[in-house]
N, C-alpha and C. Protein backbone atom coordinates (compact mmCIF):
# COMPACT_ATOMS: atom_id res chain seq x y z
N UNK A 1 0.96 -1.10 0.23
CA UNK A 1 0.44 0.01 -0.12
C UNK A 1 1.19 1.31 0.09
N UNK A 2 0.69 2.31 -1.10
CA UNK A 2 1.69 3.36 -1.02
C UNK A 2 0.95 4.10 -0.04
N UNK A 3 1.73 5.25 0.40
CA UNK A 3 1.89 6.44 0.83
C UNK A 3 0.62 7.48 0.66
N UNK A 4 0.62 7.54 -1.07
CA UNK A 4 -0.69 8.32 -1.26
C UNK A 4 -2.31 7.67 -1.74
N UNK A 5 -2.24 6.13 -0.71
CA UNK A 5 -3.46 5.76 -1.57
C UNK A 5 -4.58 6.42 -1.34
N UNK A 6 -4.08 7.52 -0.11
CA UNK A 6 -5.82 8.49 0.00
C UNK A 6 -5.89 9.17 -1.14
N UNK A 7 -4.66 9.79 -2.10
CA UNK A 7 -5.24 10.85 -2.78
C UNK A 7 -6.53 10.13 -3.83
N UNK A 8 -6.95 8.55 -3.56
CA UNK A 8 -7.54 8.25 -4.83
C UNK A 8 -8.95 8.63 -4.32
N UNK A 9 -9.19 9.47 -3.37
CA UNK A 9 -10.19 9.83 -2.88
C UNK A 9 -11.00 10.92 -3.96
N UNK A 10 -12.38 10.97 -3.87
CA UNK A 10 -12.73 11.55 -4.65
C UNK A 10 -12.20 13.73 -4.46
N UNK A 11 -12.31 14.13 -5.78
CA UNK A 11 -11.64 15.74 -5.21
C UNK A 11 -12.26 16.48 -4.44
N UNK A 12 -13.54 16.40 -4.60
CA UNK A 12 -14.42 17.57 -3.39
C UNK A 12 -13.80 17.31 -1.67
N UNK A 13 -13.33 15.87 -1.60
CA UNK A 13 -12.81 15.52 -0.37
C UNK A 13 -11.51 16.62 0.13
N UNK A 14 -10.46 17.02 -0.91
CA UNK A 14 -9.63 17.11 -0.95
C UNK A 14 -9.64 19.17 -0.84
N UNK A 15 -11.27 19.37 -0.82
CA UNK A 15 -10.98 21.33 -0.99
C UNK A 15 -11.36 21.90 -2.01
N UNK A 16 -11.11 21.34 -3.18
CA UNK A 16 -11.01 21.72 -4.54
C UNK A 16 -12.06 22.67 -4.66
N UNK A 17 -13.01 21.99 -4.63
CA UNK A 17 -14.02 22.34 -4.84
C UNK A 17 -14.86 23.98 -4.27
N UNK A 18 -13.91 23.87 -2.90
CA UNK A 18 -14.30 25.70 -2.46
C UNK A 18 -13.34 26.30 -3.18
N UNK A 19 -12.10 25.85 -3.97
CA UNK A 19 -10.93 27.12 -4.44
C UNK A 19 -11.75 27.50 -5.60
N UNK A 20 -12.17 26.26 -6.71
CA UNK A 20 -12.67 27.01 -7.88
C UNK A 20 -14.57 26.13 -8.20
N UNK A 21 -14.65 26.73 -7.37
CA UNK A 21 -16.70 25.82 -7.48
C UNK A 21 -16.98 25.90 -8.83
N UNK A 22 -17.77 24.55 -9.41
CA UNK A 22 -18.50 24.38 -10.40
C UNK A 22 -17.09 23.83 -11.05
N UNK A 23 -16.21 23.96 -11.28
CA UNK A 23 -15.09 23.11 -12.21
C UNK A 23 -15.54 21.32 -12.36
N UNK A 24 -15.54 21.37 -13.40
CA UNK A 24 -15.66 19.56 -13.39
C UNK A 24 -14.28 18.98 -13.00
N UNK A 25 -14.51 18.17 -12.57
CA UNK A 25 -13.22 17.13 -11.87
C UNK A 25 -13.34 15.89 -11.99
N UNK A 26 -14.51 15.87 -12.66
CA UNK A 26 -14.67 13.84 -12.66
C UNK A 26 -13.86 12.93 -13.53
N UNK A 27 -12.81 13.43 -14.16
CA UNK A 27 -12.14 12.85 -14.98
C UNK A 27 -10.49 13.03 -14.60
N UNK A 28 -9.93 13.40 -12.89
CA UNK A 28 -9.01 13.53 -12.64
C UNK A 28 -8.97 12.78 -10.98
N UNK A 29 -7.94 12.38 -11.03
CA UNK A 29 -7.48 11.92 -9.60
C UNK A 29 -7.15 12.43 -8.96
N UNK A 30 -7.36 11.70 -7.53
CA UNK A 30 -7.14 13.10 -6.37
C UNK A 30 -5.80 13.62 -6.47
N UNK A 31 -4.35 12.92 -6.87
CA UNK A 31 -3.27 13.28 -6.89
C UNK A 31 -3.48 14.45 -7.89
N UNK A 32 -4.18 14.89 -8.94
CA UNK A 32 -4.36 15.54 -9.82
C UNK A 32 -5.01 16.51 -9.31
N UNK A 33 -5.74 16.22 -8.56
CA UNK A 33 -6.86 17.19 -8.20
C UNK A 33 -5.49 18.42 -7.13
N UNK A 34 -5.21 17.49 -5.70
CA UNK A 34 -4.32 18.19 -5.39
C UNK A 34 -2.96 19.19 -5.76
N UNK A 35 -2.43 18.58 -6.80
CA UNK A 35 -1.47 18.85 -7.85
C UNK A 35 -1.97 20.26 -8.64
N UNK A 36 -3.53 20.34 -8.82
CA UNK A 36 -4.05 21.45 -9.52
C UNK A 36 -3.89 22.52 -8.33
N UNK A 37 -4.84 22.27 -7.29
CA UNK A 37 -5.07 22.89 -6.02
C UNK A 37 -3.64 23.94 -6.11
N UNK A 38 -2.74 23.13 -5.97
CA UNK A 38 -1.60 24.03 -5.53
C UNK A 38 -0.91 24.50 -6.81
N UNK A 39 -0.99 24.07 -7.62
CA UNK A 39 -0.26 24.85 -9.10
C UNK A 39 -1.41 26.12 -9.08
N UNK A 40 -2.46 26.28 -8.56
CA UNK A 40 -3.75 27.41 -8.79
C UNK A 40 -3.28 28.46 -7.50
N UNK A 41 -2.53 27.86 -6.10
CA UNK A 41 -2.35 29.29 -5.44
C UNK A 41 -0.90 29.35 -5.35
N UNK A 42 0.05 28.14 -5.53
CA UNK A 42 1.49 28.77 -6.24
C UNK A 42 2.02 29.20 -7.25
N UNK A 43 1.30 28.63 -8.33
CA UNK A 43 2.36 28.76 -9.40
C UNK A 43 3.01 27.87 -9.63
N UNK A 44 3.69 26.89 -9.08
CA UNK A 44 4.97 26.27 -8.99
C UNK A 44 4.64 24.61 -8.92
N UNK A 45 5.18 24.21 -10.25
CA UNK A 45 5.46 22.96 -10.22
C UNK A 45 6.12 21.79 -9.46
N UNK A 46 7.10 22.81 -8.81
CA UNK A 46 7.79 21.96 -8.18
C UNK A 46 7.16 21.99 -6.96
N UNK A 47 6.51 22.67 -6.34
CA UNK A 47 5.80 22.70 -4.99
C UNK A 47 4.41 21.80 -5.47
N UNK A 48 3.94 22.31 -6.21
CA UNK A 48 2.49 20.98 -6.61
C UNK A 48 3.22 19.39 -6.64
N UNK A 49 3.99 19.26 -6.81
CA UNK A 49 5.00 17.48 -7.42
C UNK A 49 5.48 17.58 -6.12
N UNK A 50 5.99 18.27 -4.85
CA UNK A 50 6.52 17.68 -4.10
C UNK A 50 5.40 17.54 -2.66
N UNK A 51 3.77 18.25 -3.25
CA UNK A 51 3.00 18.28 -2.47
C UNK A 51 2.28 16.84 -2.44
N UNK A 52 2.18 16.24 -3.32
CA UNK A 52 1.58 15.05 -3.55
C UNK A 52 2.85 13.74 -3.45
N UNK A 53 3.63 14.12 -3.23
CA UNK A 53 5.09 12.69 -3.36
C UNK A 53 5.67 12.40 -4.56
N UNK A 54 5.75 13.26 -5.92
CA UNK A 54 6.08 12.86 -7.07
C UNK A 54 7.00 13.42 -7.71
N UNK A 55 7.70 13.16 -8.57
CA UNK A 55 8.82 14.28 -9.22
C UNK A 55 7.86 15.32 -10.22
N UNK A 56 8.77 16.54 -10.54
CA UNK A 56 7.86 17.04 -11.29
C UNK A 56 7.89 17.16 -12.52
N UNK A 57 8.44 15.86 -13.06
CA UNK A 57 8.07 15.91 -14.19
C UNK A 57 6.93 14.71 -14.62
N UNK A 58 6.03 14.92 -13.57
CA UNK A 58 4.72 14.26 -13.88
C UNK A 58 3.88 15.00 -13.85
N UNK A 59 3.67 15.97 -13.10
CA UNK A 59 3.01 17.24 -13.34
C UNK A 59 3.09 18.22 -14.59
N UNK A 60 4.51 18.25 -15.06
CA UNK A 60 4.70 18.89 -16.47
C UNK A 60 4.02 17.82 -17.32
N UNK A 61 4.24 16.48 -17.52
CA UNK A 61 3.41 15.40 -18.34
C UNK A 61 2.02 15.77 -18.18
N UNK A 62 1.60 16.02 -17.40
CA UNK A 62 0.03 16.40 -16.91
C UNK A 62 -0.48 17.64 -17.75
N UNK A 63 0.64 18.70 -17.28
CA UNK A 63 0.13 19.86 -18.32
C UNK A 63 0.33 19.97 -19.70
N UNK A 64 1.37 18.74 -19.95
CA UNK A 64 1.77 18.98 -21.78
C UNK A 64 0.83 17.99 -21.98
N UNK A 65 -0.10 16.75 -21.58
CA UNK A 65 -0.37 16.15 -22.25
C UNK A 65 -1.69 15.44 -21.95
N UNK A 66 -1.88 16.12 -20.59
CA UNK A 66 -3.35 15.31 -20.34
C UNK A 66 -4.59 16.46 -20.36
N UNK A 67 -5.55 16.29 -21.50
CA UNK A 67 -6.43 17.23 -21.38
C UNK A 67 -7.28 17.77 -20.64
N UNK A 68 -8.00 16.69 -19.65
CA UNK A 68 -8.46 16.58 -18.53
C UNK A 68 -8.26 17.62 -17.70
N UNK A 69 -6.40 17.50 -17.22
CA UNK A 69 -6.16 18.26 -16.08
C UNK A 69 -6.17 19.60 -16.99
N UNK A 70 -5.62 19.89 -18.12
CA UNK A 70 -5.43 21.10 -18.61
C UNK A 70 -6.72 22.10 -18.77
N UNK A 71 -7.80 21.10 -19.32
CA UNK A 71 -9.40 21.90 -19.10
C UNK A 71 -9.32 22.21 -17.84
N UNK A 72 -9.58 21.01 -16.77
CA UNK A 72 -9.95 21.63 -15.67
C UNK A 72 -8.95 22.96 -14.78
N UNK A 73 -7.83 22.87 -15.15
CA UNK A 73 -6.92 24.14 -15.19
C UNK A 73 -7.15 25.30 -15.49
N UNK A 74 -7.24 24.90 -16.57
CA UNK A 74 -8.19 26.51 -17.79
C UNK A 74 -9.24 27.10 -16.88
N UNK A 75 -10.26 25.92 -16.86
CA UNK A 75 -11.87 26.69 -15.85
C UNK A 75 -11.27 27.18 -14.49
N UNK A 76 -10.58 26.30 -13.67
CA UNK A 76 -10.43 26.79 -12.57
C UNK A 76 -9.47 28.18 -12.22
N UNK A 77 -8.73 28.74 -13.66
CA UNK A 77 -8.09 29.92 -13.70
C UNK A 77 -9.02 30.60 -13.94
N UNK A 78 -9.99 30.62 -15.09
CA UNK A 78 -10.49 31.29 -15.22
C UNK A 78 -11.72 31.68 -14.11
N UNK A 79 -12.10 30.73 -13.42
CA UNK A 79 -13.31 31.15 -12.26
C UNK A 79 -12.28 32.00 -11.24
N UNK A 80 -10.84 31.61 -10.95
CA UNK A 80 -10.76 32.62 -10.03
C UNK A 80 -10.23 33.50 -10.52
N UNK A 81 -9.99 34.03 -11.70
CA UNK A 81 -9.70 35.41 -12.08
C UNK A 81 -10.86 36.23 -12.02
N UNK A 82 -11.89 35.53 -12.49
CA UNK A 82 -13.31 36.17 -12.22
C UNK A 82 -13.96 36.76 -11.13
N UNK A 83 -13.48 35.84 -9.47
CA UNK A 83 -13.70 35.88 -8.47
C UNK A 83 -12.46 37.21 -8.17
N UNK A 84 -11.41 36.93 -8.42
CA UNK A 84 -10.64 38.28 -8.06
C UNK A 84 -10.94 39.43 -9.16
N UNK A 85 -11.73 39.37 -9.84
CA UNK A 85 -12.39 40.75 -10.62
C UNK A 85 -12.98 41.32 -9.83
N UNK A 86 -13.90 40.29 -8.82
CA UNK A 86 -14.99 41.23 -8.49
C UNK A 86 -14.88 41.43 -7.10
N UNK A 87 -13.52 40.85 -6.95
CA UNK A 87 -13.38 41.66 -5.30
C UNK A 87 -12.67 43.04 -5.77
N UNK A 88 -11.60 42.65 -6.82
CA UNK A 88 -11.59 44.04 -6.98
C UNK A 88 -12.03 45.29 -7.44
N UNK A 89 -13.35 44.92 -8.32
CA UNK A 89 -14.05 46.00 -8.33
C UNK A 89 -14.95 46.42 -7.19
N UNK A 90 -15.21 45.44 -6.49
CA UNK A 90 -15.67 45.91 -4.94
C UNK A 90 -14.94 46.90 -4.24
N UNK A 91 -13.69 46.50 -4.01
CA UNK A 91 -12.73 47.41 -3.21
C UNK A 91 -12.27 48.72 -3.91
N UNK A 92 -12.19 48.65 -5.29
CA UNK A 92 -12.34 50.02 -6.03
C UNK A 92 -13.58 50.94 -5.38
N UNK A 93 -15.04 49.96 -5.36
CA UNK A 93 -16.07 50.92 -5.34
C UNK A 93 -15.74 51.43 -3.73
N UNK A 94 -15.29 50.77 -2.63
CA UNK A 94 -15.30 51.00 -1.42
C UNK A 94 -14.26 52.32 -0.71
N UNK A 95 -12.58 52.07 -2.21
CA UNK A 95 -12.08 53.02 -1.38
C UNK A 95 -12.45 54.55 -1.92
N UNK A 96 -13.03 54.97 -2.35
CA UNK A 96 -13.31 56.67 -2.36
C UNK A 96 -14.08 56.65 -1.32
N UNK A 97 -15.19 56.21 -0.46
CA UNK A 97 -16.04 56.11 0.51
C UNK A 97 -14.82 55.96 1.69
N UNK A 98 -13.95 54.94 1.41
CA UNK A 98 -13.86 54.92 2.55
C UNK A 98 -12.47 56.30 3.29
N UNK A 99 -11.66 56.80 1.42
CA UNK A 99 -11.04 57.89 1.60
C UNK A 99 -11.73 59.08 2.44
N UNK A 100 -12.92 59.26 1.65
CA UNK A 100 -13.92 60.00 2.16
C UNK A 100 -13.98 60.09 4.05
N UNK A 101 -14.33 59.18 4.25
CA UNK A 101 -14.55 58.94 5.89
C UNK A 101 -13.05 59.29 6.44
N UNK A 102 -12.51 58.83 6.45
CA UNK A 102 -10.82 59.04 6.68
C UNK A 102 -10.90 60.55 6.82
N UNK A 103 -11.05 61.28 5.64
CA UNK A 103 -11.11 62.71 5.77
C UNK A 103 -12.13 63.64 6.41
N UNK A 104 -12.98 62.74 7.09
CA UNK A 104 -14.49 63.80 7.98
C UNK A 104 -14.09 62.90 9.20
N UNK A 105 -13.45 62.52 9.67
CA UNK A 105 -13.33 62.17 11.13
C UNK A 105 -12.30 63.05 11.77
N UNK A 106 -12.43 63.02 12.92
CA UNK A 106 -11.88 64.00 13.78
C UNK A 106 -10.39 63.63 14.16
N UNK A 107 -10.00 62.64 13.32
CA UNK A 107 -8.40 62.38 14.16
C UNK A 107 -7.51 62.74 12.90
N UNK A 108 -6.45 64.29 13.25
CA UNK A 108 -6.20 64.93 12.29
C UNK A 108 -4.59 64.22 11.69
N UNK A 109 -4.53 62.87 12.17
CA UNK A 109 -3.46 62.06 11.71
C UNK A 109 -4.15 60.81 10.50
N UNK A 110 -5.48 60.87 10.45
CA UNK A 110 -5.74 59.79 9.54
C UNK A 110 -5.68 60.26 8.23
N UNK A 111 -6.00 61.89 7.65
CA UNK A 111 -6.04 62.12 6.22
C UNK A 111 -4.86 62.55 6.06
N UNK A 112 -3.69 62.89 6.96
CA UNK A 112 -2.40 63.10 6.73
C UNK A 112 -1.74 61.66 6.24
N UNK A 113 -1.84 60.36 7.03
CA UNK A 113 -1.37 59.46 6.50
C UNK A 113 -1.85 58.65 5.51
N UNK A 114 -2.81 58.58 5.37
CA UNK A 114 -3.62 58.74 4.10
C UNK A 114 -3.10 58.96 2.95
N UNK A 115 -2.89 60.40 2.75
CA UNK A 115 -1.84 61.45 1.72
C UNK A 115 -0.92 60.71 1.51
N UNK A 116 0.08 60.43 2.87
CA UNK A 116 1.18 59.96 2.78
C UNK A 116 1.49 58.69 1.87
N UNK A 117 0.61 57.96 2.38
CA UNK A 117 0.58 56.56 2.04
C UNK A 117 0.32 56.92 -0.09
N UNK A 118 -0.62 57.91 -0.13
CA UNK A 118 -0.84 57.69 -1.57
C UNK A 118 0.24 58.55 -2.52
N UNK A 119 1.16 58.89 -1.35
CA UNK A 119 2.71 59.82 -1.86
C UNK A 119 1.92 61.06 -2.69
N UNK A 120 0.69 61.76 -1.94
CA UNK A 120 0.45 63.06 -2.57
C UNK A 120 1.33 64.31 -1.09
N UNK A 121 1.86 64.07 -0.19
CA UNK A 121 2.50 64.73 0.80
C UNK A 121 3.67 64.10 0.83
């Protein structure tokens, strides 16, 4: 029995469904799902391979030759980008209100600190 037999469990058991909800992982085994998750969070092939206890050439092989792995990676990356764009838009929308609140505060250092942060003064 291998140390990595646990990776044969369904992908959902490895938390990938929270990382990229709605991505079809049905054709991937547990090792591939863990490697995919690591690639999406670190962008590092070596780290992904070390996480699952395989040589980095195995992960590179999946990236170059496994169409299901590549499709899942692209779909998950697209979902992560979309989620990050939504978060950035929300932060951008909240920024002016936060700045206005800081300037309206009775604390004299708050507006000055904000101007220094923005390199205005």
